[in-house]
C-alpha atoms as a PDB file:
ATOM      1  CA  MET A   1     -45.304  20.306 -62.912  1.00  0.00           C
ATOM      2  CA  GLN A   2     -46.182  17.530 -65.279  1.00  0.00           C
ATOM      3  CA  ILE A   3     -48.371  14.604 -64.355  1.00  0.00           C
ATOM      4  CA  VAL A   4     -48.332  11.436 -66.419  1.00  0.00           C
ATOM      5  CA  LEU A   5     -50.802   8.598 -65.976  1.00  0.00           C
ATOM      6  CA  VAL A   6     -49.406   5.429 -67.498  1.00  0.00           C
ATOM      7  CA  TYR A   7     -52.020   2.774 -68.223  1.00  0.00           C
ATOM      8  CA  VAL A   8     -50.700  -0.786 -68.177  1.00  0.00           C
ATOM      9  CA  HIS A   9     -52.448  -4.083 -68.942  1.00  0.00           C
ATOM     10  CA  VAL A  10     -50.433  -7.081 -67.769  1.00  0.00           C
ATOM     11  CA  LYS A  11     -50.673 -10.724 -68.792  1.00  0.00           C
ATOM     12  CA  SER A  12     -52.247 -12.626 -65.892  1.00  0.00           C
ATOM     13  CA  GLN A  13     -49.375 -15.104 -65.687  1.00  0.00           C
ATOM     14  CA  SER A  14     -46.960 -12.180 -65.234  1.00  0.00           C
ATOM     15  CA  LEU A  15     -48.728 -10.371 -62.393  1.00  0.00           C
ATOM     16  CA  ASP A  16     -46.336 -11.246 -59.579  1.00  0.00           C
ATOM     17  CA  ALA A  17     -43.206 -10.547 -61.611  1.00  0.00           C
ATOM     18  CA  PHE A  18     -44.658  -7.290 -62.955  1.00  0.00           C
ATOM     19  CA  MET A  19     -45.584  -6.064 -59.484  1.00  0.00           C
ATOM     20  CA  LYS A  20     -42.156  -6.927 -58.096  1.00  0.00           C
ATOM     21  CA  ALA A  21     -40.323  -5.097 -60.893  1.00  0.00           C
ATOM     22  CA  THR A  22     -42.706  -2.132 -60.853  1.00  0.00           C
ATOM     23  CA  LEU A  23     -42.589  -1.615 -57.107  1.00  0.00           C
ATOM     24  CA  GLU A  24     -38.783  -1.705 -57.195  1.00  0.00           C
ATOM     25  CA  ASN A  25     -38.788   0.890 -59.983  1.00  0.00           C
ATOM     26  CA  ALA A  26     -41.215   3.071 -58.004  1.00  0.00           C
ATOM     27  CA  ARG A  27     -39.077   2.856 -54.839  1.00  0.00           C
ATOM     28  CA  GLU A  28     -36.058   4.071 -56.804  1.00  0.00           C
ATOM     29  CA  SER A  29     -38.017   6.668 -58.787  1.00  0.00           C
ATOM     30  CA  VAL A  30     -39.214   8.568 -55.707  1.00  0.00           C
ATOM     31  CA  LYS A  31     -35.556   9.120 -54.808  1.00  0.00           C
ATOM     32  CA  GLU A  32     -35.020  11.176 -57.974  1.00  0.00           C
ATOM     33  CA  PRO A  33     -34.872  14.936 -57.313  1.00  0.00           C
ATOM     34  CA  GLY A  34     -37.271  15.718 -60.185  1.00  0.00           C
ATOM     35  CA  ILE A  35     -40.063  13.394 -59.032  1.00  0.00           C
ATOM     36  CA  ALA A  36     -42.706  14.600 -56.577  1.00  0.00           C
ATOM     37  CA  ARG A  37     -44.756  11.354 -56.599  1.00  0.00           C
ATOM     38  CA  PHE A  38     -44.601   7.976 -58.229  1.00  0.00           C
ATOM     39  CA  ASP A  39     -47.669   5.910 -57.352  1.00  0.00           C
ATOM     40  CA  VAL A  40     -48.545   2.397 -58.492  1.00  0.00           C
ATOM     41  CA  VAL A  41     -52.237   1.514 -58.350  1.00  0.00           C
ATOM     42  CA  GLN A  42     -53.983  -1.704 -59.327  1.00  0.00           C
ATOM     43  CA  GLN A  43     -57.565  -1.949 -60.550  1.00  0.00           C
ATOM     44  CA  GLU A  44     -59.781  -3.777 -58.041  1.00  0.00           C
ATOM     45  CA  ASP A  45     -62.130  -5.532 -60.452  1.00  0.00           C
ATOM     46  CA  ASP A  46     -59.375  -6.436 -62.946  1.00  0.00           C
ATOM     47  CA  PRO A  47     -56.026  -7.002 -61.209  1.00  0.00           C
ATOM     48  CA  THR A  48     -54.221  -7.156 -64.561  1.00  0.00           C
ATOM     49  CA  ARG A  49     -54.710  -3.405 -65.023  1.00  0.00           C
ATOM     50  CA  PHE A  50     -52.502  -0.789 -63.412  1.00  0.00           C
ATOM     51  CA  ILE A  51     -51.994   2.943 -63.489  1.00  0.00           C
ATOM     52  CA  LEU A  52     -48.648   4.518 -62.720  1.00  0.00           C
ATOM     53  CA  VAL A  53     -49.141   8.068 -61.448  1.00  0.00           C
ATOM     54  CA  GLU A  54     -45.948   9.967 -62.176  1.00  0.00           C
ATOM     55  CA  VAL A  55     -45.693  13.564 -60.941  1.00  0.00           C
ATOM     56  CA  TYR A  56     -42.668  15.467 -62.188  1.00  0.00           C
ATOM     57  CA  LYS A  57     -41.446  18.763 -60.743  1.00  0.00           C
ATOM     58  CA  THR A  58     -39.976  20.135 -63.979  1.00  0.00           C
ATOM     59  CA  ALA A  59     -40.372  19.730 -67.724  1.00  0.00           C
ATOM     60  CA  ASP A  60     -36.934  18.053 -67.884  1.00  0.00           C
ATOM     61  CA  ALA A  61     -37.607  15.499 -65.146  1.00  0.00           C
ATOM     62  CA  PRO A  62     -39.414  12.891 -67.321  1.00  0.00           C
ATOM     63  CA  ALA A  63     -36.444  12.672 -69.688  1.00  0.00           C
ATOM     64  CA  ALA A  64     -34.039  12.425 -66.749  1.00  0.00           C
ATOM     65  CA  HIS A  65     -36.167   9.622 -65.303  1.00  0.00           C
ATOM     66  CA  ARG A  66     -35.994   7.680 -68.578  1.00  0.00           C
ATOM     67  CA  GLU A  67     -32.179   7.898 -68.431  1.00  0.00           C
ATOM     68  CA  THR A  68     -31.890   6.134 -65.063  1.00  0.00           C
ATOM     69  CA  ALA A  69     -30.627   2.583 -64.712  1.00  0.00           C
ATOM     70  CA  HIS A  70     -33.649   1.534 -62.660  1.00  0.00           C
ATOM     71  CA  TYR A  71     -36.069   2.730 -65.367  1.00  0.00           C
ATOM     72  CA  ALA A  72     -34.116   0.917 -68.101  1.00  0.00           C
ATOM     73  CA  LEU A  73     -34.110  -2.262 -66.026  1.00  0.00           C
ATOM     74  CA  TRP A  74     -37.873  -1.969 -65.420  1.00  0.00           C
ATOM     75  CA  ARG A  75     -38.633  -1.201 -69.084  1.00  0.00           C
ATOM     76  CA  ASP A  76     -36.670  -4.193 -70.322  1.00  0.00           C
ATOM     77  CA  THR A  77     -37.921  -6.533 -67.584  1.00  0.00           C
ATOM     78  CA  VAL A  78     -41.638  -5.863 -68.074  1.00  0.00           C
ATOM     79  CA  ALA A  79     -41.716  -5.442 -71.866  1.00  0.00           C
ATOM     80  CA  GLU A  80     -42.957  -8.983 -72.526  1.00  0.00           C
ATOM     81  CA  MET A  81     -45.292  -8.996 -69.515  1.00  0.00           C
ATOM     82  CA  MET A  82     -47.784  -6.542 -70.993  1.00  0.00           C
ATOM     83  CA  SER A  83     -50.905  -7.571 -72.878  1.00  0.00           C
ATOM     84  CA  ASP A  84     -50.775  -4.348 -74.910  1.00  0.00           C
ATOM     85  CA  ALA A  85     -48.408  -1.421 -75.182  1.00  0.00           C
ATOM     86  CA  ARG A  86     -48.541   0.847 -72.147  1.00  0.00           C
ATOM     87  CA  GLN A  87     -50.052   4.266 -72.744  1.00  0.00           C
ATOM     88  CA  GLY A  88     -48.990   7.458 -71.045  1.00  0.00           C
ATOM     89  CA  VAL A  89     -51.294  10.469 -70.913  1.00  0.00           C
ATOM     90  CA  LYS A  90     -49.892  13.849 -69.836  1.00  0.00           C
ATOM     91  CA  TYR A  91     -51.809  16.220 -67.580  1.00  0.00           C
ATOM     92  CA  LYS A  92     -51.191  19.638 -66.067  1.00  0.00           C
ATOM     93  CA  ASN A  93     -51.703  20.327 -62.404  1.00  0.00           C
ATOM     94  CA  LEU A  94     -54.673  22.411 -61.253  1.00  0.00           C
ATOM     95  CA  PHE A  95     -55.048  21.528 -57.570  1.00  0.00           C
ATOM     96  CA  PRO A  96     -53.386  21.377 -55.150  1.00  0.00           C
ATOM     97  CA  GLU A  97     -50.927  24.074 -56.080  1.00  0.00           C
ATOM     98  CA  ASP A  98     -47.524  22.733 -57.118  1.00  0.00           C
ATOM     99  CA  ALA A  99     -46.105  23.403 -53.662  1.00  0.00           C
ATOM    100  CA  GLY A 100     -48.790  21.065 -52.245  1.00  0.00           C
ATOM    101  CA  TRP A 101     -47.231  18.020 -53.872  1.00  0.00           C
END
């Protein structure tokens, strides 16, 4: 399993459009066979900051995700909405065991 936390800072004037595009991408992403979870969370004290929690079942699943039409649409749609470049940090799973996802 591979877990990626993607940190996103959005321009305040783009919040609604970013959330709409991101939630649509998340709804499609969870349908992919290689994705165990795809969560979108918003920071309470700064609503322009988000974390995408992407949990992949295999090492190949992130690359497969980036090849989907819904990801390409999201990437292109939100590119100009971000205050800074998004940053993804990769993690390995410790608990629960992989089967618990």
